[in-house]
Amino acid sequence: AEEVEKFVTIPVEIAMNPVQNKISLRSTS
């Protein structure tokens, strides 16, 4: 879970930051 969080979840969250009109971004690893 730590590897998935560090190498997959966080980079995808960073890539999704510019999405417009979002209320929230939640993740689970």
PDB file of all heavy atoms in Angstrom:
ATOM      1  N   ALA A   1       0.829  -1.207   0.000  1.00  0.00           N
ATOM      2  CA  ALA A   1       0.000   0.000   0.000  1.00  0.00           C
ATOM      3  C   ALA A   1       0.865   1.260   0.000  1.00  0.00           C
ATOM      4  O   ALA A   1       0.506   2.258  -0.635  1.00  0.00           O
ATOM      5  CB  ALA A   1      -0.931  -0.005   1.203  1.00  0.00           C
ATOM      6  N   GLU A   2       2.000   1.237   0.686  1.00  0.00           N
ATOM      7  CA  GLU A   2       2.891   2.397   0.730  1.00  0.00           C
ATOM      8  C   GLU A   2       3.481   2.693  -0.646  1.00  0.00           C
ATOM      9  O   GLU A   2       3.578   3.848  -1.062  1.00  0.00           O
ATOM     10  CB  GLU A   2       4.017   2.180   1.743  1.00  0.00           C
ATOM     11  CG  GLU A   2       3.550   2.171   3.186  1.00  0.00           C
ATOM     12  CD  GLU A   2       2.984   0.820   3.619  1.00  0.00           C
ATOM     13  OE1 GLU A   2       3.221  -0.201   2.926  1.00  0.00           O
ATOM     14  OE2 GLU A   2       2.292   0.786   4.632  1.00  0.00           O
ATOM     15  N   GLU A   3       3.892   1.631  -1.368  1.00  0.00           N
ATOM     16  CA  GLU A   3       4.431   1.826  -2.719  1.00  0.00           C
ATOM     17  C   GLU A   3       3.361   2.348  -3.672  1.00  0.00           C
ATOM     18  O   GLU A   3       3.630   3.231  -4.494  1.00  0.00           O
ATOM     19  CB  GLU A   3       4.999   0.507  -3.258  1.00  0.00           C
ATOM     20  CG  GLU A   3       6.294   0.088  -2.625  1.00  0.00           C
ATOM     21  CD  GLU A   3       6.762  -1.239  -3.156  1.00  0.00           C
ATOM     22  OE1 GLU A   3       5.971  -2.203  -3.153  1.00  0.00           O
ATOM     23  OE2 GLU A   3       7.929  -1.304  -3.581  1.00  0.00           O
ATOM     24  N   VAL A   4       2.157   1.788  -3.570  1.00  0.00           N
ATOM     25  CA  VAL A   4       1.054   2.244  -4.425  1.00  0.00           C
ATOM     26  C   VAL A   4       0.749   3.706  -4.144  1.00  0.00           C
ATOM     27  O   VAL A   4       0.559   4.501  -5.069  1.00  0.00           O
ATOM     28  CB  VAL A   4      -0.192   1.349  -4.221  1.00  0.00           C
ATOM     29  CG1 VAL A   4      -1.392   1.923  -4.936  1.00  0.00           C
ATOM     30  CG2 VAL A   4       0.088  -0.065  -4.700  1.00  0.00           C
ATOM     31  N   GLU A   5       0.741   4.085  -2.863  1.00  0.00           N
ATOM     32  CA  GLU A   5       0.473   5.482  -2.496  1.00  0.00           C
ATOM     33  C   GLU A   5       1.540   6.413  -3.071  1.00  0.00           C
ATOM     34  O   GLU A   5       1.228   7.445  -3.660  1.00  0.00           O
ATOM     35  CB  GLU A   5       0.435   5.606  -0.968  1.00  0.00           C
ATOM     36  CG  GLU A   5       0.220   7.008  -0.463  1.00  0.00           C
ATOM     37  CD  GLU A   5      -1.228   7.436  -0.491  1.00  0.00           C
ATOM     38  OE1 GLU A   5      -2.119   6.588  -0.556  1.00  0.00           O
ATOM     39  OE2 GLU A   5      -1.460   8.665  -0.445  1.00  0.00           O
ATOM     40  N   LYS A   6       2.799   6.032  -2.899  1.00  0.00           N
ATOM     41  CA  LYS A   6       3.906   6.907  -3.292  1.00  0.00           C
ATOM     42  C   LYS A   6       4.081   7.015  -4.807  1.00  0.00           C
ATOM     43  O   LYS A   6       4.305   8.106  -5.330  1.00  0.00           O
ATOM     44  CB  LYS A   6       5.201   6.390  -2.668  1.00  0.00           C
ATOM     45  CG  LYS A   6       6.407   7.238  -2.956  1.00  0.00           C
ATOM     46  CD  LYS A   6       7.636   6.702  -2.243  1.00  0.00           C
ATOM     47  CE  LYS A   6       8.847   7.550  -2.533  1.00  0.00           C
ATOM     48  NZ  LYS A   6      10.049   7.018  -1.863  1.00  0.00           N
ATOM     49  N   PHE A   7       3.965   5.893  -5.518  1.00  0.00           N
ATOM     50  CA  PHE A   7       4.294   5.889  -6.936  1.00  0.00           C
ATOM     51  C   PHE A   7       3.087   5.962  -7.874  1.00  0.00           C
ATOM     52  O   PHE A   7       3.258   6.205  -9.067  1.00  0.00           O
ATOM     53  CB  PHE A   7       5.117   4.638  -7.278  1.00  0.00           C
ATOM     54  CG  PHE A   7       6.455   4.612  -6.609  1.00  0.00           C
ATOM     55  CD1 PHE A   7       6.725   3.700  -5.603  1.00  0.00           C
ATOM     56  CD2 PHE A   7       7.438   5.509  -6.976  1.00  0.00           C
ATOM     57  CE1 PHE A   7       7.962   3.675  -4.978  1.00  0.00           C
ATOM     58  CE2 PHE A   7       8.683   5.489  -6.360  1.00  0.00           C
ATOM     59  CZ  PHE A   7       8.939   4.574  -5.357  1.00  0.00           C
ATOM     60  N   VAL A   8       1.879   5.745  -7.355  1.00  0.00           N
ATOM     61  CA  VAL A   8       0.694   5.759  -8.221  1.00  0.00           C
ATOM     62  C   VAL A   8      -0.318   6.811  -7.767  1.00  0.00           C
ATOM     63  O   VAL A   8      -0.684   7.702  -8.530  1.00  0.00           O
ATOM     64  CB  VAL A   8       0.032   4.360  -8.295  1.00  0.00           C
ATOM     65  CG1 VAL A   8      -1.227   4.417  -9.152  1.00  0.00           C
ATOM     66  CG2 VAL A   8       1.000   3.341  -8.851  1.00  0.00           C
ATOM     67  N   THR A   9      -0.780   6.704  -6.528  1.00  0.00           N
ATOM     68  CA  THR A   9      -1.868   7.565  -6.063  1.00  0.00           C
ATOM     69  C   THR A   9      -1.468   9.037  -6.054  1.00  0.00           C
ATOM     70  O   THR A   9      -2.195   9.884  -6.594  1.00  0.00           O
ATOM     71  CB  THR A   9      -2.339   7.133  -4.664  1.00  0.00           C
ATOM     72  OG1 THR A   9      -2.710   5.752  -4.714  1.00  0.00           O
ATOM     73  CG2 THR A   9      -3.516   7.955  -4.213  1.00  0.00           C
ATOM     74  N   ILE A  10      -0.334   9.348  -5.450  1.00  0.00           N
ATOM     75  CA  ILE A  10       0.081  10.756  -5.355  1.00  0.00           C
ATOM     76  C   ILE A  10       0.341  11.372  -6.729  1.00  0.00           C
ATOM     77  O   ILE A  10      -0.133  12.488  -6.992  1.00  0.00           O
ATOM     78  CB  ILE A  10       1.284  10.897  -4.401  1.00  0.00           C
ATOM     79  CG1 ILE A  10       0.818  10.588  -2.975  1.00  0.00           C
ATOM     80  CG2 ILE A  10       1.890  12.287  -4.480  1.00  0.00           C
ATOM     81  CD1 ILE A  10       1.925  10.549  -1.939  1.00  0.00           C
ATOM     82  N   PRO A  11       1.056  10.690  -7.660  1.00  0.00           N
ATOM     83  CA  PRO A  11       1.213  11.297  -8.991  1.00  0.00           C
ATOM     84  C   PRO A  11      -0.108  11.530  -9.734  1.00  0.00           C
ATOM     85  O   PRO A  11      -0.266  12.544 -10.425  1.00  0.00           O
ATOM     86  CB  PRO A  11       2.097  10.299  -9.747  1.00  0.00           C
ATOM     87  CG  PRO A  11       2.866   9.600  -8.687  1.00  0.00           C
ATOM     88  CD  PRO A  11       1.926   9.512  -7.521  1.00  0.00           C
ATOM     89  N   VAL A  12      -1.072  10.621  -9.575  1.00  0.00           N
ATOM     90  CA  VAL A  12      -2.372  10.820 -10.239  1.00  0.00           C
ATOM     91  C   VAL A  12      -3.117  11.987  -9.588  1.00  0.00           C
ATOM     92  O   VAL A  12      -3.725  12.809 -10.285  1.00  0.00           O
ATOM     93  CB  VAL A  12      -3.213   9.523 -10.218  1.00  0.00           C
ATOM     94  CG1 VAL A  12      -4.621   9.791 -10.735  1.00  0.00           C
ATOM     95  CG2 VAL A  12      -2.546   8.454 -11.053  1.00  0.00           C
ATOM     96  N   GLU A  13      -3.049  12.096  -8.255  1.00  0.00           N
ATOM     97  CA  GLU A  13      -3.673  13.235  -7.577  1.00  0.00           C
ATOM     98  C   GLU A  13      -3.062  14.548  -8.048  1.00  0.00           C
ATOM     99  O   GLU A  13      -3.778  15.526  -8.278  1.00  0.00           O
ATOM    100  CB  GLU A  13      -3.511  13.109  -6.065  1.00  0.00           C
ATOM    101  CG  GLU A  13      -4.398  12.088  -5.425  1.00  0.00           C
ATOM    102  CD  GLU A  13      -4.161  12.003  -3.931  1.00  0.00           C
ATOM    103  OE1 GLU A  13      -3.188  12.586  -3.416  1.00  0.00           O
ATOM    104  OE2 GLU A  13      -4.973  11.335  -3.268  1.00  0.00           O
ATOM    105  N   ILE A  14      -1.747  14.593  -8.181  1.00  0.00           N
ATOM    106  CA  ILE A  14      -1.082  15.811  -8.645  1.00  0.00           C
ATOM    107  C   ILE A  14      -1.509  16.144 -10.067  1.00  0.00           C
ATOM    108  O   ILE A  14      -1.754  17.308 -10.401  1.00  0.00           O
ATOM    109  CB  ILE A  14       0.454  15.657  -8.539  1.00  0.00           C
ATOM    110  CG1 ILE A  14       0.862  15.626  -7.061  1.00  0.00           C
ATOM    111  CG2 ILE A  14       1.175  16.775  -9.280  1.00  0.00           C
ATOM    112  CD1 ILE A  14       2.313  15.238  -6.832  1.00  0.00           C
ATOM    113  N   ALA A  15      -1.641  15.128 -10.917  1.00  0.00           N
ATOM    114  CA  ALA A  15      -2.080  15.361 -12.297  1.00  0.00           C
ATOM    115  C   ALA A  15      -3.524  15.847 -12.357  1.00  0.00           C
ATOM    116  O   ALA A  15      -3.901  16.574 -13.279  1.00  0.00           O
ATOM    117  CB  ALA A  15      -1.925  14.085 -13.115  1.00  0.00           C
ATOM    118  N   MET A  16      -4.355  15.487 -11.371  1.00  0.00           N
ATOM    119  CA  MET A  16      -5.766  15.878 -11.354  1.00  0.00           C
ATOM    120  C   MET A  16      -6.009  17.219 -10.669  1.00  0.00           C
ATOM    121  O   MET A  16      -7.135  17.717 -10.676  1.00  0.00           O
ATOM    122  CB  MET A  16      -6.612  14.802 -10.663  1.00  0.00           C
ATOM    123  CG  MET A  16      -6.677  13.494 -11.405  1.00  0.00           C
ATOM    124  SD  MET A  16      -7.433  13.659 -13.027  1.00  0.00           S
ATOM    125  CE  MET A  16      -6.045  13.305 -14.077  1.00  0.00           C
ATOM    126  N   ASN A  17      -4.998  17.828 -10.078  1.00  0.00           N
ATOM    127  CA  ASN A  17      -5.183  19.123  -9.404  1.00  0.00           C
ATOM    128  C   ASN A  17      -5.737  20.222 -10.306  1.00  0.00           C
ATOM    129  O   ASN A  17      -6.553  21.018  -9.858  1.00  0.00           O
ATOM    130  CB  ASN A  17      -3.889  19.574  -8.737  1.00  0.00           C
ATOM    131  CG  ASN A  17      -3.704  18.958  -7.379  1.00  0.00           C
ATOM    132  OD1 ASN A  17      -4.652  18.544  -6.741  1.00  0.00           O
ATOM    133  ND2 ASN A  17      -2.464  18.887  -6.936  1.00  0.00           N
ATOM    134  N   PRO A  18      -5.343  20.312 -11.590  1.00  0.00           N
ATOM    135  CA  PRO A  18      -5.889  21.395 -12.432  1.00  0.00           C
ATOM    136  C   PRO A  18      -7.342  21.212 -12.880  1.00  0.00           C
ATOM    137  O   PRO A  18      -7.890  22.081 -13.542  1.00  0.00           O
ATOM    138  CB  PRO A  18      -4.978  21.405 -13.657  1.00  0.00           C
ATOM    139  CG  PRO A  18      -3.817  20.569 -13.332  1.00  0.00           C
ATOM    140  CD  PRO A  18      -4.221  19.658 -12.240  1.00  0.00           C
ATOM    141  N   VAL A  19      -7.968  20.092 -12.533  1.00  0.00           N
ATOM    142  CA  VAL A  19      -9.361  19.857 -12.949  1.00  0.00           C
ATOM    143  C   VAL A  19     -10.243  20.978 -12.406  1.00  0.00           C
ATOM    144  O   VAL A  19     -10.176  21.328 -11.240  1.00  0.00           O
ATOM    145  CB  VAL A  19      -9.847  18.480 -12.445  1.00  0.00           C
ATOM    146  CG1 VAL A  19     -11.334  18.328 -12.665  1.00  0.00           C
ATOM    147  CG2 VAL A  19      -9.102  17.370 -13.136  1.00  0.00           C
ATOM    148  N   GLN A  20     -11.078  21.531 -13.273  1.00  0.00           N
ATOM    149  CA  GLN A  20     -11.931  22.657 -12.896  1.00  0.00           C
ATOM    150  C   GLN A  20     -13.253  22.166 -12.311  1.00  0.00           C
ATOM    151  O   GLN A  20     -13.745  21.102 -12.655  1.00  0.00           O
ATOM    152  CB  GLN A  20     -12.198  23.526 -14.108  1.00  0.00           C
ATOM    153  CG  GLN A  20     -10.944  24.126 -14.684  1.00  0.00           C
ATOM    154  CD  GLN A  20     -11.232  24.896 -15.956  1.00  0.00           C
ATOM    155  OE1 GLN A  20     -12.345  24.921 -16.456  1.00  0.00           O
ATOM    156  NE2 GLN A  20     -10.205  25.536 -16.479  1.00  0.00           N
ATOM    157  N   ASN A  21     -13.829  22.988 -11.445  1.00  0.00           N
ATOM    158  CA  ASN A  21     -15.152  22.763 -10.852  1.00  0.00           C
ATOM    159  C   ASN A  21     -15.235  21.500 -10.004  1.00  0.00           C
ATOM    160  O   ASN A  21     -16.293  20.894  -9.896  1.00  0.00           O
ATOM    161  CB  ASN A  21     -16.242  22.728 -11.932  1.00  0.00           C
ATOM    162  CG  ASN A  21     -16.321  24.011 -12.697  1.00  0.00           C
ATOM    163  OD1 ASN A  21     -16.253  25.088 -12.119  1.00  0.00           O
ATOM    164  ND2 ASN A  21     -16.450  23.909 -14.004  1.00  0.00           N
ATOM    165  N   LYS A  22     -14.136  21.091  -9.397  1.00  0.00           N
ATOM    166  CA  LYS A  22     -14.198  19.926  -8.526  1.00  0.00           C
ATOM    167  C   LYS A  22     -14.493  20.377  -7.095  1.00  0.00           C
ATOM    168  O   LYS A  22     -14.071  21.445  -6.674  1.00  0.00           O
ATOM    169  CB  LYS A  22     -12.918  19.105  -8.593  1.00  0.00           C
ATOM    170  CG  LYS A  22     -11.717  19.729  -7.941  1.00  0.00           C
ATOM    171  CD  LYS A  22     -10.537  18.763  -7.988  1.00  0.00           C
ATOM    172  CE  LYS A  22      -9.337  19.381  -7.342  1.00  0.00           C
ATOM    173  NZ  LYS A  22      -8.452  20.069  -8.214  1.00  0.00           N
ATOM    174  N   ILE A  23     -15.233  19.563  -6.382  1.00  0.00           N
ATOM    175  CA  ILE A  23     -15.537  19.832  -4.983  1.00  0.00           C
ATOM    176  C   ILE A  23     -14.498  19.154  -4.108  1.00  0.00           C
ATOM    177  O   ILE A  23     -13.976  19.747  -3.184  1.00  0.00           O
ATOM    178  CB  ILE A  23     -16.951  19.341  -4.620  1.00  0.00           C
ATOM    179  CG1 ILE A  23     -17.989  20.154  -5.369  1.00  0.00           C
ATOM    180  CG2 ILE A  23     -17.188  19.424  -3.125  1.00  0.00           C
ATOM    181  CD1 ILE A  23     -19.400  19.659  -5.182  1.00  0.00           C
ATOM    182  N   SER A  24     -14.226  17.889  -4.401  1.00  0.00           N
ATOM    183  CA  SER A  24     -13.243  17.171  -3.599  1.00  0.00           C
ATOM    184  C   SER A  24     -12.545  16.104  -4.418  1.00  0.00           C
ATOM    185  O   SER A  24     -13.047  15.649  -5.446  1.00  0.00           O
ATOM    186  CB  SER A  24     -13.906  16.527  -2.378  1.00  0.00           C
ATOM    187  OG  SER A  24     -14.742  15.469  -2.778  1.00  0.00           O
ATOM    188  N   LEU A  25     -11.381  15.718  -3.928  1.00  0.00           N
ATOM    189  CA  LEU A  25     -10.587  14.651  -4.526  1.00  0.00           C
ATOM    190  C   LEU A  25     -10.174  13.748  -3.366  1.00  0.00           C
ATOM    191  O   LEU A  25      -9.472  14.191  -2.466  1.00  0.00           O
ATOM    192  CB  LEU A  25      -9.366  15.239  -5.229  1.00  0.00           C
ATOM    193  CG  LEU A  25      -8.532  14.266  -6.037  1.00  0.00           C
ATOM    194  CD1 LEU A  25      -8.141  14.919  -7.341  1.00  0.00           C
ATOM    195  CD2 LEU A  25      -7.322  13.825  -5.290  1.00  0.00           C
ATOM    196  N   ARG A  26     -10.646  12.516  -3.387  1.00  0.00           N
ATOM    197  CA  ARG A  26     -10.368  11.569  -2.298  1.00  0.00           C
ATOM    198  C   ARG A  26      -9.731  10.324  -2.874  1.00  0.00           C
ATOM    199  O   ARG A  26     -10.068   9.883  -3.974  1.00  0.00           O
ATOM    200  CB  ARG A  26     -11.657  11.208  -1.570  1.00  0.00           C
ATOM    201  CG  ARG A  26     -12.282  12.403  -0.918  1.00  0.00           C
ATOM    202  CD  ARG A  26     -13.553  12.041  -0.236  1.00  0.00           C
ATOM    203  NE  ARG A  26     -14.126  13.251   0.358  1.00  0.00           N
ATOM    204  CZ  ARG A  26     -15.335  13.323   0.819  1.00  0.00           C
ATOM    205  NH1 ARG A  26     -16.120  12.281   0.773  1.00  0.00           N
ATOM    206  NH2 ARG A  26     -15.779  14.446   1.349  1.00  0.00           N
ATOM    207  N   SER A  27      -8.814   9.746  -2.107  1.00  0.00           N
ATOM    208  CA  SER A  27      -8.120   8.565  -2.609  1.00  0.00           C
ATOM    209  C   SER A  27      -7.970   7.511  -1.527  1.00  0.00           C
ATOM    210  O   SER A  27      -7.994   7.808  -0.334  1.00  0.00           O
ATOM    211  CB  SER A  27      -6.743   8.953  -3.136  1.00  0.00           C
ATOM    212  OG  SER A  27      -5.941   9.451  -2.083  1.00  0.00           O
ATOM    213  N   THR A  28      -7.815   6.277  -1.994  1.00  0.00           N
ATOM    214  CA  THR A  28      -7.558   5.142  -1.135  1.00  0.00           C
ATOM    215  C   THR A  28      -6.501   4.278  -1.802  1.00  0.00           C
ATOM    216  O   THR A  28      -6.604   3.993  -2.995  1.00  0.00           O
ATOM    217  CB  THR A  28      -8.834   4.295  -0.932  1.00  0.00           C
ATOM    218  OG1 THR A  28      -9.862   5.131  -0.424  1.00  0.00           O
ATOM    219  CG2 THR A  28      -8.599   3.149   0.011  1.00  0.00           C
ATOM    220  N   SER A  29      -5.491   3.892  -1.034  1.00  0.00           N
ATOM    221  CA  SER A  29      -4.458   3.006  -1.534  1.00  0.00           C
ATOM    222  C   SER A  29      -4.423   1.754  -0.673  1.00  0.00           C
ATOM    223  O   SER A  29      -4.311   1.839   0.542  1.00  0.00           O
ATOM    224  CB  SER A  29      -3.084   3.684  -1.489  1.00  0.00           C
ATOM    225  OG  SER A  29      -3.070   4.820  -2.297  1.00  0.00           O
TER     226      SER A  29
END
